[in-house]
Amino acid sequence: MLWLWIFGSAVEVVEVVVVDVMVHRWLPGLRIPLLIIGIWGFLWTLDMYAAYRVRHVVMDTHLTLRGGLRPQVVVPLEAVDVARTAEHELPGITKTLHSEDGLLLLGVSSRTNVELVLHGAVALATSQGEMTADRVGLWADEPREVARMLGQRLPTSHGIPGDRGDQSLPTVQS
C-alpha cells in the first residue's frame, strides 16, 4: 500500500507543476489560487498517509495497538491466550474502534485481520475509555508474521509455539 501513496504523491507533484506551467501563460490570474490548491492537496495527501500509519508497540507487559492518529487500545500480554489471523469487518465506514459482544475491533478501512483471544473478559484501556472484551481484532500489513511474533512473545504456553526471544514487531503501516 505504501507504493500507492508514493505514486499518488509523485503524480500530484507533477500535476501541480504542469498546471502551473500551463496556466501562467494563458490565465495568469488563476495561477496563484491553483498553485495554493495544488500544494494544499499534496500536503493533504501526505497528512492522510501519516494519519493511516499504524504502529503497534510490544512492551514487556503489554501491547499498545494504534489505529491512525487517536484510537488506541492497551492489551496486557498476560491476558492474551492466542494470537491468530482472522478477518473482521467493522460496521459503518467511519469507525476505527468498535466494541460489540465481547469483540473489540481496531481496524483500518473498517477491517481487521489479526485476532487476539484473551483468557476471558478483560477490561482494556482505550482512547474512548475502558472497554471490556474477550477478543481483540486489529489490522496489520503482514498478519501471519504479526500473529507468529506475538505468539512467541506471549507469557503463556497457549500462544503460537516458538522461541521466546526478544523480537520487535515488524513495522505495520497502511
Protein backbone atom coordinates (compact mmCIF):
# COMPACT_ATOMS: atom_id res chain seq x y z
CA MET A 1 0.00 0.00 0.00
CA LEU A 2 2.98 2.30 0.58
CA TRP A 3 3.75 2.32 -3.14
CA LEU A 4 0.26 3.72 -3.79
CA TRP A 5 0.93 6.71 -1.51
CA ILE A 6 4.33 7.30 -3.12
CA PHE A 7 2.89 7.07 -6.64
CA GLY A 8 -0.06 9.32 -5.73
CA SER A 9 2.22 11.93 -4.20
CA ALA A 10 4.55 11.89 -7.22
CA VAL A 11 1.60 12.28 -9.62
CA GLU A 12 0.29 15.16 -7.54
CA VAL A 13 3.65 16.98 -7.66
CA VAL A 14 3.82 16.54 -11.46
CA GLU A 15 0.22 17.75 -11.75
CA VAL A 16 0.95 20.92 -9.75
CA VAL A 17 3.98 21.72 -11.92
CA VAL A 18 2.20 21.00 -15.24
CA VAL A 19 -0.88 23.03 -14.29
CA ASP A 20 1.32 25.91 -13.11
CA VAL A 21 3.30 25.94 -16.38
CA MET A 22 0.14 25.81 -18.50
CA VAL A 23 -1.86 28.37 -16.53
CA HIS A 24 0.82 31.06 -16.05
CA ARG A 25 0.88 31.76 -19.82
CA TRP A 26 -2.83 31.86 -20.61
CA LEU A 27 -4.60 32.58 -17.31
CA PRO A 28 -2.12 34.34 -15.00
CA GLY A 29 -4.90 35.39 -12.59
CA LEU A 30 -5.64 31.72 -11.78
CA ARG A 31 -2.01 30.74 -11.28
CA ILE A 32 -1.72 31.57 -7.56
CA PRO A 33 -5.11 30.12 -6.48
CA LEU A 34 -4.48 26.90 -8.43
CA LEU A 35 -0.94 26.67 -7.06
CA ILE A 36 -2.26 27.05 -3.50
CA ILE A 37 -4.93 24.39 -4.08
CA GLY A 38 -2.37 22.03 -5.65
CA ILE A 39 0.11 22.41 -2.81
CA TRP A 40 -2.69 22.04 -0.25
CA GLY A 41 -3.78 18.80 -1.99
CA PHE A 42 -0.24 17.45 -1.89
CA LEU A 43 0.11 18.27 1.81
CA TRP A 44 -3.31 16.72 2.47
CA THR A 45 -2.14 13.50 0.77
CA LEU A 46 0.96 13.38 2.99
CA ASP A 47 -1.20 14.13 6.03
CA MET A 48 -3.57 11.27 5.17
CA TYR A 49 -0.59 8.94 4.83
CA ALA A 50 0.64 9.98 8.27
CA ALA A 51 -2.84 9.53 9.75
CA TYR A 52 -3.18 5.99 8.40
CA ARG A 53 0.21 4.80 9.62
CA VAL A 54 -0.35 2.14 12.21
CA ARG A 55 2.38 1.44 14.73
CA HIS A 56 1.60 -1.29 17.23
CA VAL A 57 4.12 -1.43 20.08
CA VAL A 58 5.01 -4.52 22.12
CA MET A 59 6.38 -3.85 25.60
CA ASP A 60 7.38 -6.41 28.23
CA THR A 61 3.98 -6.35 29.94
CA HIS A 62 1.52 -5.04 27.36
CA LEU A 63 0.73 -4.48 23.71
CA THR A 64 -0.31 -1.00 22.59
CA LEU A 65 -2.48 -1.12 19.48
CA ARG A 66 -2.89 2.05 17.48
CA GLY A 67 -5.15 2.93 14.59
CA GLY A 68 -4.24 6.23 12.96
CA LEU A 69 -3.94 9.44 14.94
CA ARG A 70 -6.01 8.84 18.09
CA PRO A 71 -7.57 5.39 18.51
CA GLN A 72 -5.54 3.25 20.87
CA VAL A 73 -6.02 0.04 22.88
CA VAL A 74 -3.69 -1.29 25.58
CA VAL A 75 -3.77 -5.09 25.95
CA PRO A 76 -1.87 -6.76 28.82
CA LEU A 77 0.20 -9.63 27.40
CA GLU A 78 -0.66 -11.92 30.32
CA ALA A 79 -4.34 -11.66 29.30
CA VAL A 80 -3.68 -12.91 25.73
CA ASP A 81 -4.25 -16.62 25.18
CA VAL A 82 -3.75 -16.90 21.40
CA ALA A 83 -2.73 -14.60 18.55
CA ARG A 84 -4.10 -15.70 15.16
CA THR A 85 -5.12 -14.39 11.78
CA ALA A 86 -8.86 -13.76 11.47
CA GLU A 87 -10.76 -11.26 9.36
CA HIS A 88 -13.46 -8.98 10.79
CA GLU A 89 -15.38 -6.07 9.30
CA LEU A 90 -16.32 -3.02 11.36
CA PRO A 91 -19.88 -1.76 10.93
CA GLY A 92 -20.05 1.62 9.23
CA ILE A 93 -17.39 3.28 7.12
CA THR A 94 -16.06 5.86 9.57
CA LYS A 95 -15.47 3.70 12.64
CA THR A 96 -11.96 2.76 13.67
CA LEU A 97 -12.72 1.44 17.16
CA HIS A 98 -15.80 -0.72 17.72
CA SER A 99 -16.92 -2.98 20.57
CA GLU A 100 -19.76 -5.47 20.42
CA ASP A 101 -20.50 -8.81 22.13
CA GLY A 102 -17.05 -9.09 23.73
CA LEU A 103 -15.22 -8.36 20.47
CA LEU A 104 -13.18 -5.14 20.34
CA LEU A 105 -12.11 -4.15 16.83
CA LEU A 106 -9.42 -1.59 15.99
CA GLY A 107 -9.41 -1.51 12.22
CA VAL A 108 -8.09 0.24 9.18
CA SER A 109 -10.60 0.95 6.40
CA SER A 110 -13.23 -0.83 8.52
CA ARG A 111 -11.31 -4.13 8.52
CA THR A 112 -9.12 -6.19 10.83
CA ASN A 113 -7.01 -9.26 10.00
CA VAL A 114 -5.38 -10.34 13.30
CA GLU A 115 -7.29 -11.55 16.34
CA LEU A 116 -6.10 -11.78 19.94
CA VAL A 117 -8.10 -14.24 22.01
CA LEU A 118 -7.99 -13.25 25.67
CA HIS A 119 -8.29 -15.59 28.72
CA GLY A 120 -11.72 -14.15 29.46
CA ALA A 121 -13.47 -10.81 29.64
CA VAL A 122 -10.72 -8.25 30.32
CA ALA A 123 -11.09 -4.52 30.95
CA LEU A 124 -8.90 -2.76 28.36
CA ALA A 125 -7.79 0.87 28.38
CA THR A 126 -8.77 2.55 25.11
CA SER A 127 -8.79 6.08 23.75
CA GLN A 128 -12.58 6.05 24.30
CA GLY A 129 -12.34 4.94 27.92
CA GLU A 130 -12.29 1.49 29.45
CA MET A 131 -13.91 -1.30 27.40
CA THR A 132 -14.36 -4.98 28.24
CA ALA A 133 -13.58 -7.66 25.66
CA ASP A 134 -12.63 -11.32 25.39
CA ARG A 135 -11.27 -10.93 21.83
CA VAL A 136 -9.46 -8.05 20.14
CA GLY A 137 -9.16 -7.57 16.38
CA LEU A 138 -6.50 -5.37 14.78
CA TRP A 139 -5.10 -4.58 11.34
CA ALA A 140 -1.58 -5.48 10.22
CA ASP A 141 0.02 -5.44 6.78
CA GLU A 142 1.63 -8.83 7.46
CA PRO A 143 -0.96 -10.61 9.63
CA ARG A 144 0.72 -14.05 9.67
CA GLU A 145 4.06 -12.57 10.69
CA VAL A 146 2.48 -10.41 13.41
CA ALA A 147 0.46 -13.36 14.78
CA ARG A 148 3.60 -15.53 14.81
CA MET A 149 5.74 -12.90 16.54
CA LEU A 150 3.04 -12.12 19.10
CA GLY A 151 2.63 -15.83 19.78
CA GLN A 152 6.35 -16.06 20.50
CA ARG A 153 6.16 -13.16 22.98
CA LEU A 154 3.14 -14.39 24.93
CA PRO A 155 3.98 -15.19 28.54
CA THR A 156 1.74 -18.27 28.47
CA SER A 157 2.28 -21.51 26.61
CA HIS A 158 -1.03 -21.12 24.77
CA GLY A 159 0.33 -18.87 22.02
CA ILE A 160 1.76 -19.97 18.73
CA PRO A 161 4.80 -22.11 19.63
CA GLY A 162 8.29 -20.78 19.04
CA ASP A 163 11.21 -19.31 20.85
CA ARG A 164 10.53 -16.53 23.30
CA GLY A 165 13.38 -14.31 22.09
CA ASP A 166 13.12 -10.55 22.39
CA GLN A 167 11.84 -9.53 18.96
CA SER A 168 10.05 -6.44 17.89
CA LEU A 169 7.03 -6.42 15.64
CA PRO A 170 7.63 -5.55 12.01
CA THR A 171 6.63 -2.05 11.04
CA VAL A 172 2.90 -2.11 10.42
CA GLN A 173 1.52 0.55 8.12
CA SER A 174 -1.48 1.03 5.94
